[in-house]
């Protein structure tokens, strides 16, 4: 799973001389939160987010309504954007895991995707959430079960084998270390062709494992 396969290609972009009012309209009309700012050949120059659109009240407190209107109409994207050197970017060949870790580390909601200096896409926290639902089979009909198992080799194979022996299919699976217990692993599996009662009856026979949730 690579960034190039899940990013938004050819995102809406603006040039540095776009007015703030125009940029605000673009964000609102397209229901987006980020605007790459580019120069010739789509070369990155900066990034505009809704955060950059916020004008501090102290900047306007001494102005009358006409002066405020003039101030806003003269304000350009280049005046408030995150400069190119400070924009966090990623390569299209990076993995989704790399993108997610970078967004978490930097506490940001998007990454511009660059091929050299050229903006080729954008990937956001919403894109990540969409892929999480896909990875866990959230959009497929079936039974979801969470099993807590010892964090040792062979435990997951027991579960998969038990499901396979029944002729049931598996849409998706994933796992994380159990909260506050690194000696165990919580595995989520989405199974087709089995009811919750049937699945639970089979898997609760596996010694040393605990069924946490079935739905």
N, C-alpha and C. Protein backbone atom coordinates (compact mmCIF):
# COMPACT_ATOMS: atom_id res chain seq x y z
N UNK A 1 0.85 -1.19 0.00
CA UNK A 1 0.00 0.00 0.00
C UNK A 1 0.89 1.24 0.00
N UNK A 2 0.89 1.93 -1.13
CA UNK A 2 1.76 3.07 -1.31
C UNK A 2 0.97 4.37 -1.44
N UNK A 3 1.61 5.46 -1.08
CA UNK A 3 0.97 6.77 -1.11
C UNK A 3 0.40 7.06 -2.50
N UNK A 4 1.13 6.70 -3.55
CA UNK A 4 0.70 7.03 -4.92
C UNK A 4 -0.66 6.42 -5.26
N UNK A 5 -1.02 5.31 -4.60
CA UNK A 5 -2.27 4.63 -4.92
C UNK A 5 -3.46 5.18 -4.17
N UNK A 6 -3.23 5.97 -3.13
CA UNK A 6 -4.32 6.43 -2.27
C UNK A 6 -4.39 7.94 -2.14
N UNK A 7 -3.42 8.65 -2.67
CA UNK A 7 -3.44 10.11 -2.61
C UNK A 7 -4.48 10.67 -3.57
N UNK A 8 -4.86 11.92 -3.36
CA UNK A 8 -5.69 12.65 -4.32
C UNK A 8 -4.76 13.22 -5.38
N UNK A 9 -4.94 12.75 -6.60
CA UNK A 9 -4.09 13.24 -7.70
C UNK A 9 -4.61 14.58 -8.21
N UNK A 10 -3.69 15.38 -8.70
CA UNK A 10 -4.04 16.68 -9.28
C UNK A 10 -4.95 17.49 -8.35
N UNK A 11 -4.50 17.73 -7.12
CA UNK A 11 -5.34 18.50 -6.19
C UNK A 11 -5.52 19.94 -6.68
N UNK A 12 -6.55 20.59 -6.19
CA UNK A 12 -6.76 21.99 -6.51
C UNK A 12 -5.59 22.80 -5.95
N UNK A 13 -5.03 23.67 -6.77
CA UNK A 13 -3.88 24.47 -6.37
C UNK A 13 -4.15 25.94 -6.65
N UNK A 14 -3.38 26.79 -5.99
CA UNK A 14 -3.46 28.23 -6.24
C UNK A 14 -2.06 28.78 -6.40
N UNK A 15 -1.97 29.97 -7.01
CA UNK A 15 -0.67 30.62 -7.11
C UNK A 15 -0.51 31.62 -5.97
N UNK A 16 0.70 32.05 -5.70
CA UNK A 16 0.96 32.90 -4.53
C UNK A 16 0.20 34.22 -4.52
N UNK A 17 -0.20 34.71 -5.69
CA UNK A 17 -0.88 36.01 -5.75
C UNK A 17 -2.40 35.90 -5.65
N UNK A 18 -2.90 34.71 -5.44
CA UNK A 18 -4.34 34.54 -5.21
C UNK A 18 -4.73 35.29 -3.93
N UNK A 19 -5.85 35.98 -3.96
CA UNK A 19 -6.28 36.70 -2.76
C UNK A 19 -6.79 35.72 -1.71
N UNK A 20 -6.72 36.15 -0.47
CA UNK A 20 -7.22 35.32 0.62
C UNK A 20 -8.71 35.05 0.46
N UNK A 21 -9.45 36.04 0.00
CA UNK A 21 -10.89 35.86 -0.20
C UNK A 21 -11.14 34.79 -1.25
N UNK A 22 -10.38 34.80 -2.34
CA UNK A 22 -10.53 33.77 -3.38
C UNK A 22 -10.18 32.39 -2.82
N UNK A 23 -9.11 32.32 -2.05
CA UNK A 23 -8.69 31.04 -1.47
C UNK A 23 -9.75 30.51 -0.51
N UNK A 24 -10.33 31.39 0.29
CA UNK A 24 -11.40 30.97 1.20
C UNK A 24 -12.59 30.41 0.43
N UNK A 25 -12.94 31.06 -0.66
CA UNK A 25 -14.05 30.58 -1.48
C UNK A 25 -13.75 29.21 -2.09
N UNK A 26 -12.53 29.01 -2.53
CA UNK A 26 -12.14 27.72 -3.12
C UNK A 26 -12.25 26.62 -2.07
N UNK A 27 -11.76 26.87 -0.87
CA UNK A 27 -11.84 25.88 0.21
C UNK A 27 -13.30 25.54 0.52
N UNK A 28 -14.13 26.57 0.64
CA UNK A 28 -15.53 26.36 1.01
C UNK A 28 -16.30 25.65 -0.10
N UNK A 29 -16.13 26.09 -1.34
CA UNK A 29 -16.90 25.54 -2.45
C UNK A 29 -16.54 24.08 -2.73
N UNK A 30 -15.31 23.70 -2.44
CA UNK A 30 -14.86 22.34 -2.73
C UNK A 30 -14.80 21.46 -1.48
N UNK A 31 -15.18 22.04 -0.33
CA UNK A 31 -15.20 21.30 0.94
C UNK A 31 -13.84 20.64 1.21
N UNK A 32 -12.79 21.43 1.08
CA UNK A 32 -11.43 20.94 1.34
C UNK A 32 -10.78 21.81 2.40
N UNK A 33 -9.67 21.33 2.96
CA UNK A 33 -9.02 22.03 4.06
C UNK A 33 -7.61 22.50 3.73
N UNK A 34 -7.07 22.07 2.57
CA UNK A 34 -5.68 22.36 2.26
C UNK A 34 -5.56 22.78 0.80
N UNK A 35 -4.75 23.79 0.54
CA UNK A 35 -4.50 24.26 -0.82
C UNK A 35 -2.99 24.37 -1.05
N UNK A 36 -2.42 23.52 -1.89
CA UNK A 36 -1.02 23.71 -2.27
C UNK A 36 -0.87 25.03 -3.03
N UNK A 37 0.21 25.73 -2.74
CA UNK A 37 0.54 26.97 -3.44
C UNK A 37 1.72 26.67 -4.36
N UNK A 38 1.53 26.88 -5.65
CA UNK A 38 2.55 26.48 -6.62
C UNK A 38 2.90 27.62 -7.56
N UNK A 39 4.09 27.51 -8.14
CA UNK A 39 4.53 28.43 -9.17
C UNK A 39 4.51 27.75 -10.51
N UNK A 40 5.37 28.17 -11.41
CA UNK A 40 5.44 27.59 -12.75
C UNK A 40 5.72 26.10 -12.69
N UNK A 41 5.03 25.33 -13.54
CA UNK A 41 5.25 23.89 -13.59
C UNK A 41 4.82 23.15 -12.35
N UNK A 42 3.91 23.74 -11.57
CA UNK A 42 3.40 23.13 -10.33
C UNK A 42 4.49 22.89 -9.29
N UNK A 43 5.51 23.75 -9.33
CA UNK A 43 6.57 23.67 -8.33
C UNK A 43 6.07 24.25 -7.00
N UNK A 44 6.30 23.49 -5.94
CA UNK A 44 5.79 23.87 -4.62
C UNK A 44 6.38 25.19 -4.14
N UNK A 45 5.51 26.08 -3.66
CA UNK A 45 5.96 27.31 -3.03
C UNK A 45 5.43 27.46 -1.60
N UNK A 46 4.35 26.74 -1.31
CA UNK A 46 3.81 26.85 0.05
C UNK A 46 2.53 26.07 0.19
N UNK A 47 1.88 26.26 1.32
CA UNK A 47 0.63 25.56 1.62
C UNK A 47 -0.30 26.47 2.40
N UNK A 48 -1.55 26.48 2.01
CA UNK A 48 -2.59 27.22 2.73
C UNK A 48 -3.54 26.22 3.39
N UNK A 49 -3.82 26.43 4.66
CA UNK A 49 -4.83 25.64 5.37
C UNK A 49 -5.83 26.61 6.00
N UNK A 50 -6.90 26.08 6.52
CA UNK A 50 -7.88 26.94 7.18
C UNK A 50 -7.27 27.70 8.35
N UNK A 51 -6.26 27.08 8.98
CA UNK A 51 -5.59 27.74 10.10
C UNK A 51 -4.93 29.03 9.65
N UNK A 52 -4.31 29.01 8.46
CA UNK A 52 -3.64 30.21 7.95
C UNK A 52 -4.64 31.31 7.60
N UNK A 53 -5.89 30.95 7.39
CA UNK A 53 -6.91 31.93 7.01
C UNK A 53 -7.39 32.77 8.20
N UNK A 54 -7.08 32.35 9.39
CA UNK A 54 -7.58 33.05 10.57
C UNK A 54 -6.79 34.33 10.80
N UNK A 55 -7.50 35.44 10.79
CA UNK A 55 -6.87 36.74 11.04
C UNK A 55 -7.00 37.08 12.51
N UNK A 56 -5.89 37.39 13.15
CA UNK A 56 -5.94 37.70 14.58
C UNK A 56 -6.71 38.99 14.81
N UNK A 57 -7.62 39.00 15.79
CA UNK A 57 -8.44 40.19 16.04
C UNK A 57 -7.63 41.47 16.26
N UNK A 58 -6.45 41.34 16.84
CA UNK A 58 -5.65 42.54 17.10
C UNK A 58 -5.18 43.22 15.82
N UNK A 59 -5.12 42.44 14.73
CA UNK A 59 -4.72 43.02 13.44
C UNK A 59 -5.80 43.91 12.87
N UNK A 60 -7.04 43.75 13.33
CA UNK A 60 -8.17 44.48 12.77
C UNK A 60 -8.81 45.46 13.75
N UNK A 61 -8.38 45.41 15.00
CA UNK A 61 -9.09 46.14 16.05
C UNK A 61 -9.11 47.65 15.84
N UNK A 62 -8.09 48.18 15.18
CA UNK A 62 -8.02 49.63 15.00
C UNK A 62 -8.60 50.09 13.66
N UNK A 63 -9.18 49.18 12.88
CA UNK A 63 -9.67 49.51 11.54
C UNK A 63 -11.19 49.62 11.54
N UNK A 64 -11.71 50.49 10.68
CA UNK A 64 -13.16 50.53 10.50
C UNK A 64 -13.55 49.51 9.44
N UNK A 65 -14.85 49.38 9.16
CA UNK A 65 -15.32 48.33 8.28
C UNK A 65 -14.77 48.47 6.87
N UNK A 66 -14.60 49.71 6.40
CA UNK A 66 -14.07 49.91 5.05
C UNK A 66 -12.59 49.55 4.99
N UNK A 67 -11.89 49.89 6.04
CA UNK A 67 -10.46 49.55 6.08
C UNK A 67 -10.26 48.05 6.20
N UNK A 68 -11.14 47.37 6.92
CA UNK A 68 -11.06 45.91 7.04
C UNK A 68 -11.29 45.27 5.67
N UNK A 69 -12.30 45.76 4.97
CA UNK A 69 -12.59 45.23 3.63
C UNK A 69 -11.39 45.41 2.71
N UNK A 70 -10.78 46.60 2.74
CA UNK A 70 -9.62 46.87 1.90
C UNK A 70 -8.44 45.99 2.32
N UNK A 71 -8.27 45.82 3.63
CA UNK A 71 -7.17 44.99 4.14
C UNK A 71 -7.29 43.56 3.64
N UNK A 72 -8.49 43.00 3.75
CA UNK A 72 -8.70 41.61 3.34
C UNK A 72 -8.58 41.45 1.83
N UNK A 73 -9.08 42.43 1.07
CA UNK A 73 -9.03 42.31 -0.39
C UNK A 73 -7.61 42.40 -0.92
N UNK A 74 -6.74 43.07 -0.16
CA UNK A 74 -5.34 43.20 -0.59
C UNK A 74 -4.45 42.06 -0.11
N UNK A 75 -4.95 41.28 0.86
CA UNK A 75 -4.14 40.21 1.43
C UNK A 75 -4.05 39.05 0.45
N UNK A 76 -2.84 38.56 0.23
CA UNK A 76 -2.59 37.49 -0.73
C UNK A 76 -2.17 36.21 -0.02
N UNK A 77 -2.33 35.12 -0.73
CA UNK A 77 -1.94 33.81 -0.20
C UNK A 77 -0.49 33.81 0.26
N UNK A 78 0.39 34.45 -0.53
CA UNK A 78 1.81 34.45 -0.19
C UNK A 78 2.10 35.15 1.14
N UNK A 79 1.15 35.99 1.60
CA UNK A 79 1.35 36.72 2.85
C UNK A 79 1.13 35.85 4.08
N UNK A 80 0.37 34.78 3.94
CA UNK A 80 -0.01 33.99 5.12
C UNK A 80 0.31 32.50 5.00
N UNK A 81 0.75 32.05 3.83
CA UNK A 81 0.95 30.61 3.61
C UNK A 81 2.13 30.08 4.42
N UNK A 82 2.11 28.77 4.65
CA UNK A 82 3.29 28.08 5.16
C UNK A 82 4.30 28.04 4.04
N UNK A 83 5.49 28.56 4.27
CA UNK A 83 6.50 28.63 3.22
C UNK A 83 6.99 27.24 2.83
N UNK A 84 7.47 27.14 1.61
CA UNK A 84 7.89 25.85 1.04
C UNK A 84 8.86 25.10 1.94
N UNK A 85 9.79 25.81 2.55
CA UNK A 85 10.81 25.15 3.38
C UNK A 85 10.22 24.52 4.63
N UNK A 86 9.02 24.98 5.02
CA UNK A 86 8.38 24.46 6.24
C UNK A 86 7.25 23.47 5.96
N UNK A 87 6.96 23.24 4.70
CA UNK A 87 5.88 22.31 4.35
C UNK A 87 6.40 20.88 4.46
N UNK A 88 5.68 20.03 5.17
CA UNK A 88 6.05 18.63 5.31
C UNK A 88 5.53 17.87 4.10
N UNK A 89 6.41 17.18 3.40
CA UNK A 89 6.04 16.48 2.16
C UNK A 89 6.45 15.02 2.21
N UNK A 90 6.00 14.28 1.21
CA UNK A 90 6.35 12.87 1.13
C UNK A 90 6.43 12.45 -0.33
N UNK A 91 7.14 11.38 -0.58
CA UNK A 91 7.33 10.85 -1.93
C UNK A 91 6.18 9.91 -2.28
N UNK A 92 5.75 9.86 -3.54
CA UNK A 92 4.64 8.97 -3.91
C UNK A 92 4.93 7.49 -3.70
N UNK A 93 6.22 7.11 -3.64
CA UNK A 93 6.56 5.70 -3.45
C UNK A 93 6.66 5.30 -1.99
N UNK A 94 6.41 6.24 -1.08
CA UNK A 94 6.41 5.91 0.36
C UNK A 94 5.21 5.04 0.68
N UNK A 95 5.31 4.26 1.74
CA UNK A 95 4.19 3.42 2.16
C UNK A 95 3.19 4.25 2.95
N UNK A 96 1.96 3.74 3.04
CA UNK A 96 0.95 4.42 3.86
C UNK A 96 1.38 4.49 5.32
N UNK A 97 2.08 3.44 5.78
CA UNK A 97 2.56 3.47 7.16
C UNK A 97 3.53 4.62 7.39
N UNK A 98 4.42 4.83 6.40
CA UNK A 98 5.37 5.95 6.52
C UNK A 98 4.63 7.28 6.57
N UNK A 99 3.62 7.43 5.73
CA UNK A 99 2.84 8.67 5.70
C UNK A 99 2.13 8.88 7.03
N UNK A 100 1.51 7.83 7.56
CA UNK A 100 0.79 7.94 8.82
C UNK A 100 1.72 8.31 9.97
N UNK A 101 2.89 7.66 10.02
CA UNK A 101 3.85 7.95 11.09
C UNK A 101 4.35 9.39 11.02
N UNK A 102 4.55 9.87 9.79
CA UNK A 102 5.04 11.25 9.63
C UNK A 102 3.97 12.26 10.05
N UNK A 103 2.71 11.99 9.70
CA UNK A 103 1.63 12.89 10.09
C UNK A 103 1.45 12.91 11.61
N UNK A 104 1.59 11.76 12.23
CA UNK A 104 1.48 11.68 13.69
C UNK A 104 2.64 12.43 14.36
N UNK A 105 3.84 12.19 13.86
CA UNK A 105 5.03 12.84 14.42
C UNK A 105 4.93 14.36 14.33
N UNK A 106 4.48 14.87 13.18
CA UNK A 106 4.43 16.31 12.96
C UNK A 106 3.11 16.93 13.41
N UNK A 107 2.16 16.07 13.81
CA UNK A 107 0.84 16.55 14.25
C UNK A 107 0.16 17.41 13.19
N UNK A 108 0.09 16.87 11.98
CA UNK A 108 -0.52 17.58 10.86
C UNK A 108 -1.60 16.71 10.22
N UNK A 109 -2.48 17.35 9.46
CA UNK A 109 -3.60 16.63 8.87
C UNK A 109 -3.44 16.30 7.40
N UNK A 110 -2.28 16.65 6.80
CA UNK A 110 -2.09 16.34 5.39
C UNK A 110 -0.61 16.33 5.05
N UNK A 111 -0.30 15.68 3.95
CA UNK A 111 1.05 15.69 3.39
C UNK A 111 0.95 15.98 1.90
N UNK A 112 1.69 16.96 1.44
CA UNK A 112 1.79 17.15 -0.01
C UNK A 112 2.72 16.08 -0.57
N UNK A 113 2.35 15.54 -1.71
CA UNK A 113 3.12 14.48 -2.34
C UNK A 113 3.91 15.10 -3.49
N UNK A 114 5.23 14.98 -3.40
CA UNK A 114 6.10 15.63 -4.39
C UNK A 114 6.89 14.60 -5.18
N UNK A 115 7.01 14.88 -6.48
CA UNK A 115 7.96 14.18 -7.35
C UNK A 115 9.02 15.20 -7.70
N UNK A 116 10.14 15.16 -6.97
CA UNK A 116 11.12 16.23 -7.07
C UNK A 116 10.56 17.48 -6.41
N UNK A 117 10.40 18.56 -7.19
CA UNK A 117 9.81 19.79 -6.67
C UNK A 117 8.36 19.95 -7.10
N UNK A 118 7.84 18.99 -7.84
CA UNK A 118 6.53 19.10 -8.45
C UNK A 118 5.46 18.47 -7.56
N UNK A 119 4.37 19.20 -7.32
CA UNK A 119 3.25 18.67 -6.55
C UNK A 119 2.44 17.73 -7.44
N UNK A 120 2.37 16.46 -7.04
CA UNK A 120 1.62 15.47 -7.83
C UNK A 120 0.39 14.97 -7.08
N UNK A 121 0.25 15.34 -5.81
CA UNK A 121 -0.91 14.88 -5.07
C UNK A 121 -0.90 15.38 -3.64
N UNK A 122 -1.92 14.97 -2.91
CA UNK A 122 -2.02 15.27 -1.48
C UNK A 122 -2.68 14.08 -0.80
N UNK A 123 -2.21 13.74 0.38
CA UNK A 123 -2.84 12.67 1.15
C UNK A 123 -3.15 13.24 2.53
N UNK A 124 -4.37 12.98 3.01
CA UNK A 124 -4.84 13.59 4.25
C UNK A 124 -5.20 12.55 5.30
N UNK A 125 -5.50 13.03 6.50
CA UNK A 125 -5.92 12.13 7.57
C UNK A 125 -7.24 11.44 7.20
N UNK A 126 -8.09 12.10 6.43
CA UNK A 126 -9.33 11.47 5.99
C UNK A 126 -9.04 10.30 5.06
N UNK A 127 -8.07 10.47 4.15
CA UNK A 127 -7.66 9.36 3.28
C UNK A 127 -7.20 8.18 4.11
N UNK A 128 -6.46 8.46 5.19
CA UNK A 128 -5.98 7.39 6.06
C UNK A 128 -7.13 6.66 6.73
N UNK A 129 -8.13 7.41 7.18
CA UNK A 129 -9.28 6.79 7.83
C UNK A 129 -10.07 5.93 6.84
N UNK A 130 -10.18 6.39 5.61
CA UNK A 130 -10.88 5.60 4.58
C UNK A 130 -10.17 4.27 4.38
N UNK A 131 -8.83 4.30 4.30
CA UNK A 131 -8.09 3.07 4.09
C UNK A 131 -8.15 2.15 5.31
N UNK A 132 -8.23 2.73 6.51
CA UNK A 132 -8.38 1.90 7.71
C UNK A 132 -9.68 1.11 7.65
N UNK A 133 -10.76 1.76 7.23
CA UNK A 133 -12.04 1.04 7.13
C UNK A 133 -11.96 -0.07 6.08
N UNK A 134 -11.19 0.18 5.01
CA UNK A 134 -11.04 -0.84 3.98
C UNK A 134 -10.21 -2.02 4.49
N UNK A 135 -9.12 -1.69 5.18
CA UNK A 135 -8.23 -2.73 5.71
C UNK A 135 -8.97 -3.66 6.67
N UNK A 136 -9.90 -3.09 7.46
CA UNK A 136 -10.64 -3.88 8.44
C UNK A 136 -11.97 -4.40 7.89
N UNK A 137 -12.21 -4.19 6.59
CA UNK A 137 -13.42 -4.73 5.98
C UNK A 137 -14.70 -4.11 6.50
N UNK A 138 -14.62 -2.84 6.92
CA UNK A 138 -15.78 -2.20 7.54
C UNK A 138 -16.97 -2.06 6.60
N UNK A 139 -16.72 -2.05 5.30
CA UNK A 139 -17.80 -1.86 4.33
C UNK A 139 -18.36 -3.18 3.79
N UNK A 140 -17.86 -4.29 4.33
CA UNK A 140 -18.32 -5.60 3.89
C UNK A 140 -19.26 -6.21 4.94
N UNK A 141 -20.26 -6.94 4.48
CA UNK A 141 -21.16 -7.62 5.40
C UNK A 141 -20.47 -8.88 5.93
N UNK A 142 -20.54 -9.04 7.22
CA UNK A 142 -19.92 -10.20 7.84
C UNK A 142 -19.88 -10.03 9.34
N UNK A 143 -19.16 -10.92 10.00
CA UNK A 143 -19.05 -10.89 11.45
C UNK A 143 -17.65 -10.43 11.85
N UNK A 144 -17.61 -9.44 12.73
CA UNK A 144 -16.34 -8.90 13.21
C UNK A 144 -16.08 -9.45 14.60
N UNK A 145 -14.89 -10.00 14.79
CA UNK A 145 -14.56 -10.58 16.09
C UNK A 145 -13.20 -10.08 16.54
N UNK A 146 -13.08 -9.79 17.82
CA UNK A 146 -11.80 -9.37 18.40
C UNK A 146 -11.35 -10.44 19.38
N UNK A 147 -10.14 -10.92 19.18
CA UNK A 147 -9.60 -12.01 20.00
C UNK A 147 -8.30 -11.56 20.64
N UNK A 148 -8.17 -11.77 21.94
CA UNK A 148 -6.92 -11.47 22.65
C UNK A 148 -6.12 -12.74 22.80
N UNK A 149 -4.90 -12.71 22.28
CA UNK A 149 -4.08 -13.93 22.27
C UNK A 149 -2.68 -13.63 22.79
N UNK A 150 -1.99 -14.65 23.31
CA UNK A 150 -0.62 -14.44 23.74
C UNK A 150 0.24 -13.98 22.57
N UNK A 151 1.16 -13.08 22.82
CA UNK A 151 2.02 -12.54 21.78
C UNK A 151 3.20 -13.48 21.52
N UNK A 152 2.85 -14.67 21.00
CA UNK A 152 3.86 -15.67 20.67
C UNK A 152 3.53 -16.27 19.31
N UNK A 153 4.52 -16.87 18.69
CA UNK A 153 4.34 -17.44 17.37
C UNK A 153 3.29 -18.54 17.37
N UNK A 154 2.51 -18.57 16.31
CA UNK A 154 1.57 -19.67 16.12
C UNK A 154 0.17 -19.40 16.59
N UNK A 155 -0.05 -18.34 17.38
CA UNK A 155 -1.39 -18.09 17.91
C UNK A 155 -2.37 -17.64 16.83
N UNK A 156 -1.93 -16.77 15.96
CA UNK A 156 -2.82 -16.33 14.88
C UNK A 156 -3.13 -17.47 13.93
N UNK A 157 -2.14 -18.33 13.71
CA UNK A 157 -2.36 -19.48 12.82
C UNK A 157 -3.47 -20.39 13.34
N UNK A 158 -3.57 -20.49 14.65
CA UNK A 158 -4.64 -21.30 15.25
C UNK A 158 -6.02 -20.75 14.85
N UNK A 159 -6.15 -19.43 14.92
CA UNK A 159 -7.42 -18.79 14.60
C UNK A 159 -7.75 -18.96 13.12
N UNK A 160 -6.77 -18.68 12.28
CA UNK A 160 -6.99 -18.77 10.84
C UNK A 160 -7.31 -20.21 10.43
N UNK A 161 -6.65 -21.14 11.07
CA UNK A 161 -6.89 -22.55 10.77
C UNK A 161 -8.30 -22.97 11.17
N UNK A 162 -8.75 -22.52 12.33
CA UNK A 162 -10.09 -22.87 12.80
C UNK A 162 -11.16 -22.31 11.87
N UNK A 163 -10.95 -21.09 11.39
CA UNK A 163 -11.90 -20.49 10.46
C UNK A 163 -11.89 -21.22 9.12
N UNK A 164 -10.70 -21.53 8.64
CA UNK A 164 -10.56 -22.23 7.36
C UNK A 164 -11.19 -23.62 7.41
N UNK A 165 -11.05 -24.30 8.53
CA UNK A 165 -11.61 -25.65 8.67
C UNK A 165 -13.14 -25.65 8.52
N UNK A 166 -13.76 -24.50 8.82
CA UNK A 166 -15.22 -24.40 8.70
C UNK A 166 -15.66 -23.98 7.30
N UNK A 167 -14.68 -23.67 6.45
CA UNK A 167 -15.01 -23.24 5.09
C UNK A 167 -15.46 -21.80 5.01
N UNK A 168 -15.22 -21.01 6.07
CA UNK A 168 -15.62 -19.60 6.08
C UNK A 168 -14.55 -18.75 5.41
N UNK A 169 -14.96 -17.64 4.87
CA UNK A 169 -14.01 -16.73 4.24
C UNK A 169 -13.62 -15.60 5.18
N UNK A 170 -12.49 -14.99 4.89
CA UNK A 170 -11.99 -13.87 5.69
C UNK A 170 -11.86 -12.64 4.79
N UNK A 171 -12.57 -11.58 5.17
CA UNK A 171 -12.48 -10.34 4.42
C UNK A 171 -11.20 -9.58 4.76
N UNK A 172 -10.89 -9.50 6.04
CA UNK A 172 -9.77 -8.68 6.47
C UNK A 172 -9.36 -9.05 7.87
N UNK A 173 -8.15 -8.67 8.24
CA UNK A 173 -7.68 -8.87 9.61
C UNK A 173 -6.62 -7.83 9.93
N UNK A 174 -6.47 -7.57 11.22
CA UNK A 174 -5.45 -6.64 11.69
C UNK A 174 -5.24 -6.84 13.17
N UNK A 175 -4.14 -6.33 13.67
CA UNK A 175 -3.89 -6.53 15.09
C UNK A 175 -3.00 -5.45 15.68
N UNK A 176 -3.13 -5.28 17.00
CA UNK A 176 -2.30 -4.34 17.75
C UNK A 176 -1.99 -4.95 19.11
N UNK A 177 -0.95 -4.44 19.73
CA UNK A 177 -0.63 -4.89 21.09
C UNK A 177 -1.79 -4.54 22.01
N UNK A 178 -2.12 -5.45 22.92
CA UNK A 178 -3.23 -5.21 23.85
C UNK A 178 -2.93 -3.99 24.72
N UNK A 179 -3.94 -3.17 25.00
CA UNK A 179 -3.71 -1.99 25.85
C UNK A 179 -3.13 -2.37 27.20
N UNK A 180 -1.99 -1.78 27.54
CA UNK A 180 -1.33 -1.95 28.83
C UNK A 180 -0.87 -3.39 29.09
N UNK A 181 -0.79 -4.20 28.02
CA UNK A 181 -0.37 -5.59 28.21
C UNK A 181 0.41 -6.07 26.99
N UNK A 182 1.72 -5.79 26.92
CA UNK A 182 2.52 -6.16 25.76
C UNK A 182 2.71 -7.66 25.57
N UNK A 183 2.27 -8.45 26.56
CA UNK A 183 2.42 -9.90 26.43
C UNK A 183 1.28 -10.51 25.60
N UNK A 184 0.29 -9.68 25.25
CA UNK A 184 -0.83 -10.17 24.46
C UNK A 184 -1.08 -9.27 23.25
N UNK A 185 -1.82 -9.80 22.31
CA UNK A 185 -2.09 -9.14 21.04
C UNK A 185 -3.59 -9.21 20.77
N UNK A 186 -4.19 -8.09 20.41
CA UNK A 186 -5.61 -8.06 20.07
C UNK A 186 -5.75 -8.12 18.55
N UNK A 187 -6.38 -9.16 18.08
CA UNK A 187 -6.55 -9.37 16.64
C UNK A 187 -8.02 -9.17 16.26
N UNK A 188 -8.26 -8.36 15.23
CA UNK A 188 -9.60 -8.14 14.70
C UNK A 188 -9.71 -8.84 13.36
N UNK A 189 -10.75 -9.66 13.21
CA UNK A 189 -10.95 -10.41 11.97
C UNK A 189 -12.38 -10.21 11.49
N UNK A 190 -12.55 -9.95 10.21
CA UNK A 190 -13.88 -9.83 9.61
C UNK A 190 -14.13 -11.10 8.78
N UNK A 191 -15.14 -11.86 9.17
CA UNK A 191 -15.39 -13.18 8.60
C UNK A 191 -16.72 -13.18 7.85
N UNK A 192 -16.75 -13.81 6.71
CA UNK A 192 -18.00 -13.96 5.97
C UNK A 192 -18.50 -15.39 6.11
N UNK A 193 -19.79 -15.55 5.86
CA UNK A 193 -20.45 -16.88 5.86
C UNK A 193 -20.65 -17.47 7.24
N UNK A 194 -20.43 -16.69 8.30
CA UNK A 194 -20.60 -17.23 9.65
C UNK A 194 -21.34 -16.22 10.52
N UNK A 195 -22.27 -16.71 11.33
CA UNK A 195 -22.94 -15.83 12.28
C UNK A 195 -22.03 -15.61 13.48
N UNK A 196 -22.38 -14.64 14.30
CA UNK A 196 -21.60 -14.37 15.49
C UNK A 196 -21.56 -15.56 16.44
N UNK A 197 -22.71 -16.22 16.57
CA UNK A 197 -22.79 -17.37 17.47
C UNK A 197 -21.92 -18.52 16.96
N UNK A 198 -21.97 -18.76 15.66
CA UNK A 198 -21.16 -19.85 15.09
C UNK A 198 -19.68 -19.57 15.23
N UNK A 199 -19.29 -18.35 14.93
CA UNK A 199 -17.87 -17.98 15.00
C UNK A 199 -17.35 -18.06 16.43
N UNK A 200 -18.14 -17.55 17.35
CA UNK A 200 -17.73 -17.59 18.75
C UNK A 200 -17.61 -19.02 19.25
N UNK A 201 -18.54 -19.88 18.87
CA UNK A 201 -18.52 -21.27 19.33
C UNK A 201 -17.26 -22.01 18.88
N UNK A 202 -16.78 -21.67 17.69
CA UNK A 202 -15.58 -22.33 17.17
C UNK A 202 -14.31 -21.77 17.81
N UNK A 203 -14.22 -20.44 17.88
CA UNK A 203 -12.97 -19.83 18.32
C UNK A 203 -12.77 -19.85 19.83
N UNK A 204 -13.84 -19.96 20.60
CA UNK A 204 -13.67 -20.00 22.05
C UNK A 204 -13.07 -21.34 22.51
N UNK A 205 -12.97 -22.27 21.60
CA UNK A 205 -12.34 -23.55 21.93
C UNK A 205 -10.82 -23.48 21.91
N UNK A 206 -10.27 -22.41 21.36
CA UNK A 206 -8.81 -22.28 21.28
C UNK A 206 -8.27 -21.93 22.67
N UNK A 207 -7.47 -22.78 23.21
CA UNK A 207 -6.97 -22.61 24.57
C UNK A 207 -6.02 -21.42 24.66
N UNK A 208 -6.15 -20.64 25.71
CA UNK A 208 -5.24 -19.53 25.97
C UNK A 208 -5.63 -18.24 25.28
N UNK A 209 -6.73 -18.26 24.51
CA UNK A 209 -7.18 -17.05 23.83
C UNK A 209 -8.53 -16.60 24.40
N UNK A 210 -8.78 -15.29 24.33
CA UNK A 210 -10.00 -14.73 24.89
C UNK A 210 -10.75 -13.92 23.84
N UNK A 211 -12.03 -14.22 23.68
CA UNK A 211 -12.86 -13.44 22.76
C UNK A 211 -13.31 -12.18 23.49
N UNK A 212 -12.95 -11.03 22.94
CA UNK A 212 -13.23 -9.74 23.55
C UNK A 212 -14.54 -9.15 23.05
N UNK A 213 -14.82 -9.37 21.77
CA UNK A 213 -16.01 -8.73 21.18
C UNK A 213 -16.43 -9.48 19.92
N UNK A 214 -17.75 -9.58 19.72
CA UNK A 214 -18.30 -10.15 18.49
C UNK A 214 -19.45 -9.26 18.07
N UNK A 215 -19.45 -8.85 16.79
CA UNK A 215 -20.58 -8.03 16.33
C UNK A 215 -20.71 -8.15 14.80
